[in-house]
Amino acid sequence: MNGQMNGHAIFENVRRYRGIASLYRQTAAFRPGQSWSLLEQASDWEARALAELEGYFASRADYTAQLAA
């Protein structure tokens, strides 16, 4: 159950991070003077989301490997 709750928390974080990135991209469309900075921030939030997912799946793979051993 704990792993399932942890997975839900991870996916909620990913959803939030991607939502924030989307807001930065939308804002960049309406602020051309700041668009590069805003798009860079959006990219940073997307990278956080990806890192969160990679960490989650890596830990699941490690756990599965331990069970198989």
PDB file of N, CA and C in Angstrom:
ATOM      1  N   MET A   1       0.820  -1.203   0.000  1.00  0.00           N
ATOM      2  CA  MET A   1       0.000   0.000   0.000  1.00  0.00           C
ATOM      3  C   MET A   1       0.860   1.262   0.000  1.00  0.00           C
ATOM      4  N   ASN A   2       1.969   1.220   0.755  1.00  0.00           N
ATOM      5  CA  ASN A   2       2.835   2.387   0.837  1.00  0.00           C
ATOM      6  C   ASN A   2       3.424   2.743  -0.530  1.00  0.00           C
ATOM      7  N   GLY A   3       3.852   1.729  -1.290  1.00  0.00           N
ATOM      8  CA  GLY A   3       4.382   1.990  -2.624  1.00  0.00           C
ATOM      9  C   GLY A   3       3.337   2.590  -3.534  1.00  0.00           C
ATOM     10  N   GLN A   4       2.093   2.147  -3.372  1.00  0.00           N
ATOM     11  CA  GLN A   4       1.008   2.687  -4.193  1.00  0.00           C
ATOM     12  C   GLN A   4       0.761   4.153  -3.844  1.00  0.00           C
ATOM     13  N   MET A   5       0.754   4.476  -2.559  1.00  0.00           N
ATOM     14  CA  MET A   5       0.562   5.863  -2.153  1.00  0.00           C
ATOM     15  C   MET A   5       1.723   6.719  -2.643  1.00  0.00           C
ATOM     16  N   ASN A   6       2.939   6.185  -2.543  1.00  0.00           N
ATOM     17  CA  ASN A   6       4.100   6.912  -3.018  1.00  0.00           C
ATOM     18  C   ASN A   6       3.984   7.167  -4.519  1.00  0.00           C
ATOM     19  N   GLY A   7       3.525   6.170  -5.257  1.00  0.00           N
ATOM     20  CA  GLY A   7       3.337   6.330  -6.696  1.00  0.00           C
ATOM     21  C   GLY A   7       2.321   7.405  -7.012  1.00  0.00           C
ATOM     22  N   HIS A   8       1.231   7.442  -6.235  1.00  0.00           N
ATOM     23  CA  HIS A   8       0.220   8.483  -6.446  1.00  0.00           C
ATOM     24  C   HIS A   8       0.807   9.870  -6.191  1.00  0.00           C
ATOM     25  N   ALA A   9       1.613   9.985  -5.154  1.00  0.00           N
ATOM     26  CA  ALA A   9       2.240  11.267  -4.836  1.00  0.00           C
ATOM     27  C   ALA A   9       3.190  11.687  -5.947  1.00  0.00           C
ATOM     28  N   ILE A  10       3.945  10.730  -6.478  1.00  0.00           N
ATOM     29  CA  ILE A  10       4.883  11.032  -7.564  1.00  0.00           C
ATOM     30  C   ILE A  10       4.120  11.553  -8.782  1.00  0.00           C
ATOM     31  N   PHE A  11       3.063  10.833  -9.151  1.00  0.00           N
ATOM     32  CA  PHE A  11       2.306  11.237 -10.336  1.00  0.00           C
ATOM     33  C   PHE A  11       1.579  12.566 -10.130  1.00  0.00           C
ATOM     34  N   GLU A  12       1.185  12.854  -8.904  1.00  0.00           N
ATOM     35  CA  GLU A  12       0.578  14.160  -8.610  1.00  0.00           C
ATOM     36  C   GLU A  12       1.619  15.263  -8.758  1.00  0.00           C
ATOM     37  N   ASN A  13       2.842  15.011  -8.275  1.00  0.00           N
ATOM     38  CA  ASN A  13       3.922  15.989  -8.457  1.00  0.00           C
ATOM     39  C   ASN A  13       4.187  16.227  -9.938  1.00  0.00           C
ATOM     40  N   VAL A  14       4.226  15.149 -10.721  1.00  0.00           N
ATOM     41  CA  VAL A  14       4.474  15.275 -12.164  1.00  0.00           C
ATOM     42  C   VAL A  14       3.376  16.116 -12.807  1.00  0.00           C
ATOM     43  N   ARG A  15       2.132  15.856 -12.414  1.00  0.00           N
ATOM     44  CA  ARG A  15       1.010  16.622 -12.967  1.00  0.00           C
ATOM     45  C   ARG A  15       1.159  18.108 -12.628  1.00  0.00           C
ATOM     46  N   ARG A  16       1.540  18.397 -11.393  1.00  0.00           N
ATOM     47  CA  ARG A  16       1.726  19.796 -10.986  1.00  0.00           C
ATOM     48  C   ARG A  16       2.869  20.453 -11.754  1.00  0.00           C
ATOM     49  N   TYR A  17       3.998  19.754 -11.832  1.00  0.00           N
ATOM     50  CA  TYR A  17       5.158  20.319 -12.527  1.00  0.00           C
ATOM     51  C   TYR A  17       4.830  20.624 -13.985  1.00  0.00           C
ATOM     52  N   ARG A  18       4.133  19.716 -14.636  1.00  0.00           N
ATOM     53  CA  ARG A  18       3.773  19.937 -16.041  1.00  0.00           C
ATOM     54  C   ARG A  18       2.746  21.049 -16.181  1.00  0.00           C
ATOM     55  N   GLY A  19       1.874  21.188 -15.203  1.00  0.00           N
ATOM     56  CA  GLY A  19       0.917  22.299 -15.211  1.00  0.00           C
ATOM     57  C   GLY A  19       1.628  23.640 -15.099  1.00  0.00           C
ATOM     58  N   ILE A  20       2.616  23.700 -14.214  1.00  0.00           N
ATOM     59  CA  ILE A  20       3.395  24.932 -14.053  1.00  0.00           C
ATOM     60  C   ILE A  20       4.147  25.240 -15.343  1.00  0.00           C
ATOM     61  N   ALA A  21       4.736  24.222 -15.951  1.00  0.00           N
ATOM     62  CA  ALA A  21       5.459  24.422 -17.215  1.00  0.00           C
ATOM     63  C   ALA A  21       4.511  24.957 -18.283  1.00  0.00           C
ATOM     64  N   SER A  22       3.309  24.427 -18.321  1.00  0.00           N
ATOM     65  CA  SER A  22       2.321  24.885 -19.296  1.00  0.00           C
ATOM     66  C   SER A  22       1.975  26.357 -19.090  1.00  0.00           C
ATOM     67  N   LEU A  23       1.848  26.765 -17.842  1.00  0.00           N
ATOM     68  CA  LEU A  23       1.552  28.172 -17.559  1.00  0.00           C
ATOM     69  C   LEU A  23       2.694  29.081 -18.009  1.00  0.00           C
ATOM     70  N   TYR A  24       3.923  28.637 -17.815  1.00  0.00           N
ATOM     71  CA  TYR A  24       5.061  29.432 -18.284  1.00  0.00           C
ATOM     72  C   TYR A  24       5.050  29.554 -19.808  1.00  0.00           C
ATOM     73  N   ARG A  25       4.726  28.461 -20.503  1.00  0.00           N
ATOM     74  CA  ARG A  25       4.667  28.519 -21.969  1.00  0.00           C
ATOM     75  C   ARG A  25       3.540  29.442 -22.439  1.00  0.00           C
ATOM     76  N   GLN A  26       2.393  29.372 -21.774  1.00  0.00           N
ATOM     77  CA  GLN A  26       1.277  30.241 -22.141  1.00  0.00           C
ATOM     78  C   GLN A  26       1.630  31.706 -21.912  1.00  0.00           C
ATOM     79  N   THR A  27       2.282  31.976 -20.787  1.00  0.00           N
ATOM     80  CA  THR A  27       2.690  33.349 -20.486  1.00  0.00           C
ATOM     81  C   THR A  27       3.701  33.840 -21.513  1.00  0.00           C
ATOM     82  N   ALA A  28       4.592  32.967 -21.945  1.00  0.00           N
ATOM     83  CA  ALA A  28       5.597  33.344 -22.945  1.00  0.00           C
ATOM     84  C   ALA A  28       4.931  33.786 -24.252  1.00  0.00           C
ATOM     85  N   ALA A  29       3.806  33.193 -24.580  1.00  0.00           N
ATOM     86  CA  ALA A  29       3.110  33.554 -25.813  1.00  0.00           C
ATOM     87  C   ALA A  29       2.591  34.987 -25.768  1.00  0.00           C
ATOM     88  N   PHE A  30       2.308  35.479 -24.571  1.00  0.00           N
ATOM     89  CA  PHE A  30       1.761  36.831 -24.436  1.00  0.00           C
ATOM     90  C   PHE A  30       2.783  37.858 -23.987  1.00  0.00           C
ATOM     91  N   ARG A  31       3.997  37.435 -23.719  1.00  0.00           N
ATOM     92  CA  ARG A  31       5.065  38.350 -23.305  1.00  0.00           C
ATOM     93  C   ARG A  31       6.321  38.084 -24.132  1.00  0.00           C
ATOM     94  N   PRO A  32       6.322  38.537 -25.368  1.00  0.00           N
ATOM     95  CA  PRO A  32       7.451  38.232 -26.255  1.00  0.00           C
ATOM     96  C   PRO A  32       8.794  38.717 -25.720  1.00  0.00           C
ATOM     97  N   GLY A  33       8.806  39.804 -24.992  1.00  0.00           N
ATOM     98  CA  GLY A  33      10.055  40.327 -24.449  1.00  0.00           C
ATOM     99  C   GLY A  33      10.676  39.433 -23.396  1.00  0.00           C
ATOM    100  N   GLN A  34       9.858  38.632 -22.749  1.00  0.00           N
ATOM    101  CA  GLN A  34      10.345  37.744 -21.692  1.00  0.00           C
ATOM    102  C   GLN A  34      10.262  36.276 -22.102  1.00  0.00           C
ATOM    103  N   SER A  35       9.928  36.025 -23.351  1.00  0.00           N
ATOM    104  CA  SER A  35       9.627  34.651 -23.764  1.00  0.00           C
ATOM    105  C   SER A  35      10.786  33.682 -23.551  1.00  0.00           C
ATOM    106  N   TRP A  36      12.021  34.110 -23.820  1.00  0.00           N
ATOM    107  CA  TRP A  36      13.143  33.185 -23.657  1.00  0.00           C
ATOM    108  C   TRP A  36      13.294  32.753 -22.205  1.00  0.00           C
ATOM    109  N   SER A  37      13.182  33.713 -21.307  1.00  0.00           N
ATOM    110  CA  SER A  37      13.295  33.398 -19.887  1.00  0.00           C
ATOM    111  C   SER A  37      12.148  32.489 -19.427  1.00  0.00           C
ATOM    112  N   LEU A  38      10.948  32.811 -19.869  1.00  0.00           N
ATOM    113  CA  LEU A  38       9.784  32.014 -19.481  1.00  0.00           C
ATOM    114  C   LEU A  38       9.858  30.599 -20.046  1.00  0.00           C
ATOM    115  N   LEU A  39      10.313  30.479 -21.282  1.00  0.00           N
ATOM    116  CA  LEU A  39      10.438  29.149 -21.880  1.00  0.00           C
ATOM    117  C   LEU A  39      11.546  28.337 -21.200  1.00  0.00           C
ATOM    118  N   GLU A  40      12.574  29.011 -20.754  1.00  0.00           N
ATOM    119  CA  GLU A  40      13.634  28.320 -20.017  1.00  0.00           C
ATOM    120  C   GLU A  40      13.091  27.788 -18.688  1.00  0.00           C
ATOM    121  N   GLN A  41      12.272  28.591 -18.023  1.00  0.00           N
ATOM    122  CA  GLN A  41      11.664  28.145 -16.773  1.00  0.00           C
ATOM    123  C   GLN A  41      10.711  26.975 -17.021  1.00  0.00           C
ATOM    124  N   ALA A  42       9.960  27.029 -18.118  1.00  0.00           N
ATOM    125  CA  ALA A  42       9.075  25.914 -18.474  1.00  0.00           C
ATOM    126  C   ALA A  42       9.893  24.649 -18.687  1.00  0.00           C
ATOM    127  N   SER A  43      11.021  24.785 -19.352  1.00  0.00           N
ATOM    128  CA  SER A  43      11.897  23.640 -19.584  1.00  0.00           C
ATOM    129  C   SER A  43      12.422  23.069 -18.268  1.00  0.00           C
ATOM    130  N   ASP A  44      12.739  23.938 -17.317  1.00  0.00           N
ATOM    131  CA  ASP A  44      13.207  23.485 -16.003  1.00  0.00           C
ATOM    132  C   ASP A  44      12.124  22.674 -15.284  1.00  0.00           C
ATOM    133  N   TRP A  45      10.870  23.123 -15.355  1.00  0.00           N
ATOM    134  CA  TRP A  45       9.775  22.395 -14.715  1.00  0.00           C
ATOM    135  C   TRP A  45       9.535  21.060 -15.403  1.00  0.00           C
ATOM    136  N   GLU A  46       9.656  21.020 -16.722  1.00  0.00           N
ATOM    137  CA  GLU A  46       9.503  19.746 -17.445  1.00  0.00           C
ATOM    138  C   GLU A  46      10.626  18.778 -17.042  1.00  0.00           C
ATOM    139  N   ALA A  47      11.828  19.316 -16.853  1.00  0.00           N
ATOM    140  CA  ALA A  47      12.956  18.477 -16.432  1.00  0.00           C
ATOM    141  C   ALA A  47      12.702  17.905 -15.034  1.00  0.00           C
ATOM    142  N   ARG A  48      12.098  18.707 -14.156  1.00  0.00           N
ATOM    143  CA  ARG A  48      11.754  18.205 -12.824  1.00  0.00           C
ATOM    144  C   ARG A  48      10.755  17.060 -12.923  1.00  0.00           C
ATOM    145  N   ALA A  49       9.761  17.232 -13.787  1.00  0.00           N
ATOM    146  CA  ALA A  49       8.754  16.185 -13.965  1.00  0.00           C
ATOM    147  C   ALA A  49       9.401  14.905 -14.480  1.00  0.00           C
ATOM    148  N   LEU A  50      10.281  15.041 -15.449  1.00  0.00           N
ATOM    149  CA  LEU A  50      10.958  13.884 -16.016  1.00  0.00           C
ATOM    150  C   LEU A  50      11.848  13.198 -14.974  1.00  0.00           C
ATOM    151  N   ALA A  51      12.567  13.975 -14.198  1.00  0.00           N
ATOM    152  CA  ALA A  51      13.430  13.410 -13.154  1.00  0.00           C
ATOM    153  C   ALA A  51      12.595  12.654 -12.118  1.00  0.00           C
ATOM    154  N   GLU A  52      11.437  13.197 -11.790  1.00  0.00           N
ATOM    155  CA  GLU A  52      10.560  12.536 -10.828  1.00  0.00           C
ATOM    156  C   GLU A  52      10.096  11.181 -11.377  1.00  0.00           C
ATOM    157  N   LEU A  53       9.700  11.157 -12.638  1.00  0.00           N
ATOM    158  CA  LEU A  53       9.271   9.907 -13.266  1.00  0.00           C
ATOM    159  C   LEU A  53      10.414   8.902 -13.377  1.00  0.00           C
ATOM    160  N   GLU A  54      11.572   9.377 -13.800  1.00  0.00           N
ATOM    161  CA  GLU A  54      12.724   8.483 -13.927  1.00  0.00           C
ATOM    162  C   GLU A  54      13.097   7.873 -12.587  1.00  0.00           C
ATOM    163  N   GLY A  55      13.084   8.677 -11.544  1.00  0.00           N
ATOM    164  CA  GLY A  55      13.401   8.171 -10.217  1.00  0.00           C
ATOM    165  C   GLY A  55      12.390   7.137  -9.750  1.00  0.00           C
ATOM    166  N   TYR A  56      11.136   7.394 -10.020  1.00  0.00           N
ATOM    167  CA  TYR A  56      10.079   6.468  -9.624  1.00  0.00           C
ATOM    168  C   TYR A  56      10.247   5.115 -10.319  1.00  0.00           C
ATOM    169  N   PHE A  57      10.409   5.155 -11.641  1.00  0.00           N
ATOM    170  CA  PHE A  57      10.517   3.904 -12.371  1.00  0.00           C
ATOM    171  C   PHE A  57      11.831   3.178 -12.099  1.00  0.00           C
ATOM    172  N   ALA A  58      12.895   3.911 -11.832  1.00  0.00           N
ATOM    173  CA  ALA A  58      14.164   3.277 -11.473  1.00  0.00           C
ATOM    174  C   ALA A  58      14.031   2.552 -10.136  1.00  0.00           C
ATOM    175  N   SER A  59      13.352   3.167  -9.180  1.00  0.00           N
ATOM    176  CA  SER A  59      13.180   2.520  -7.879  1.00  0.00           C
ATOM    177  C   SER A  59      12.292   1.286  -8.005  1.00  0.00           C
ATOM    178  N   ARG A  60      11.305   1.330  -8.885  1.00  0.00           N
ATOM    179  CA  ARG A  60      10.438   0.159  -9.109  1.00  0.00           C
ATOM    180  C   ARG A  60      11.236  -0.963  -9.761  1.00  0.00           C
ATOM    181  N   ALA A  61      12.102  -0.628 -10.695  1.00  0.00           N
ATOM    182  CA  ALA A  61      12.917  -1.639 -11.362  1.00  0.00           C
ATOM    183  C   ALA A  61      13.875  -2.282 -10.358  1.00  0.00           C
ATOM    184  N   ASP A  62      14.459  -1.468  -9.473  1.00  0.00           N
ATOM    185  CA  ASP A  62      15.354  -1.991  -8.439  1.00  0.00           C
ATOM    186  C   ASP A  62      14.609  -2.942  -7.508  1.00  0.00           C
ATOM    187  N   TYR A  63      13.404  -2.563  -7.121  1.00  0.00           N
ATOM    188  CA  TYR A  63      12.607  -3.392  -6.233  1.00  0.00           C
ATOM    189  C   TYR A  63      12.230  -4.712  -6.896  1.00  0.00           C
ATOM    190  N   THR A  64      11.858  -4.639  -8.163  1.00  0.00           N
ATOM    191  CA  THR A  64      11.507  -5.846  -8.909  1.00  0.00           C
ATOM    192  C   THR A  64      12.717  -6.766  -9.046  1.00  0.00           C
ATOM    193  N   ALA A  65      13.879  -6.183  -9.282  1.00  0.00           N
ATOM    194  CA  ALA A  65      15.104  -6.989  -9.394  1.00  0.00           C
ATOM    195  C   ALA A  65      15.421  -7.678  -8.078  1.00  0.00           C
ATOM    196  N   GLN A  66      15.180  -7.015  -6.967  1.00  0.00           N
ATOM    197  CA  GLN A  66      15.417  -7.634  -5.656  1.00  0.00           C
ATOM    198  C   GLN A  66      14.473  -8.805  -5.433  1.00  0.00           C
ATOM    199  N   LEU A  67      13.240  -8.666  -5.863  1.00  0.00           N
ATOM    200  CA  LEU A  67      12.273  -9.752  -5.698  1.00  0.00           C
ATOM    201  C   LEU A  67      12.636 -10.968  -6.552  1.00  0.00           C
ATOM    202  N   ALA A  68      13.180 -10.698  -7.733  1.00  0.00           N
ATOM    203  CA  ALA A  68      13.527 -11.775  -8.658  1.00  0.00           C
ATOM    204  C   ALA A  68      14.773 -12.531  -8.219  1.00  0.00           C
ATOM    205  N   ALA A  69      15.611 -11.878  -7.429  1.00  0.00           N
ATOM    206  CA  ALA A  69      16.878 -12.510  -7.004  1.00  0.00           C
ATOM    207  C   ALA A  69      16.687 -13.592  -5.965  1.00  0.00           C
TER     208      ALA A  69
END
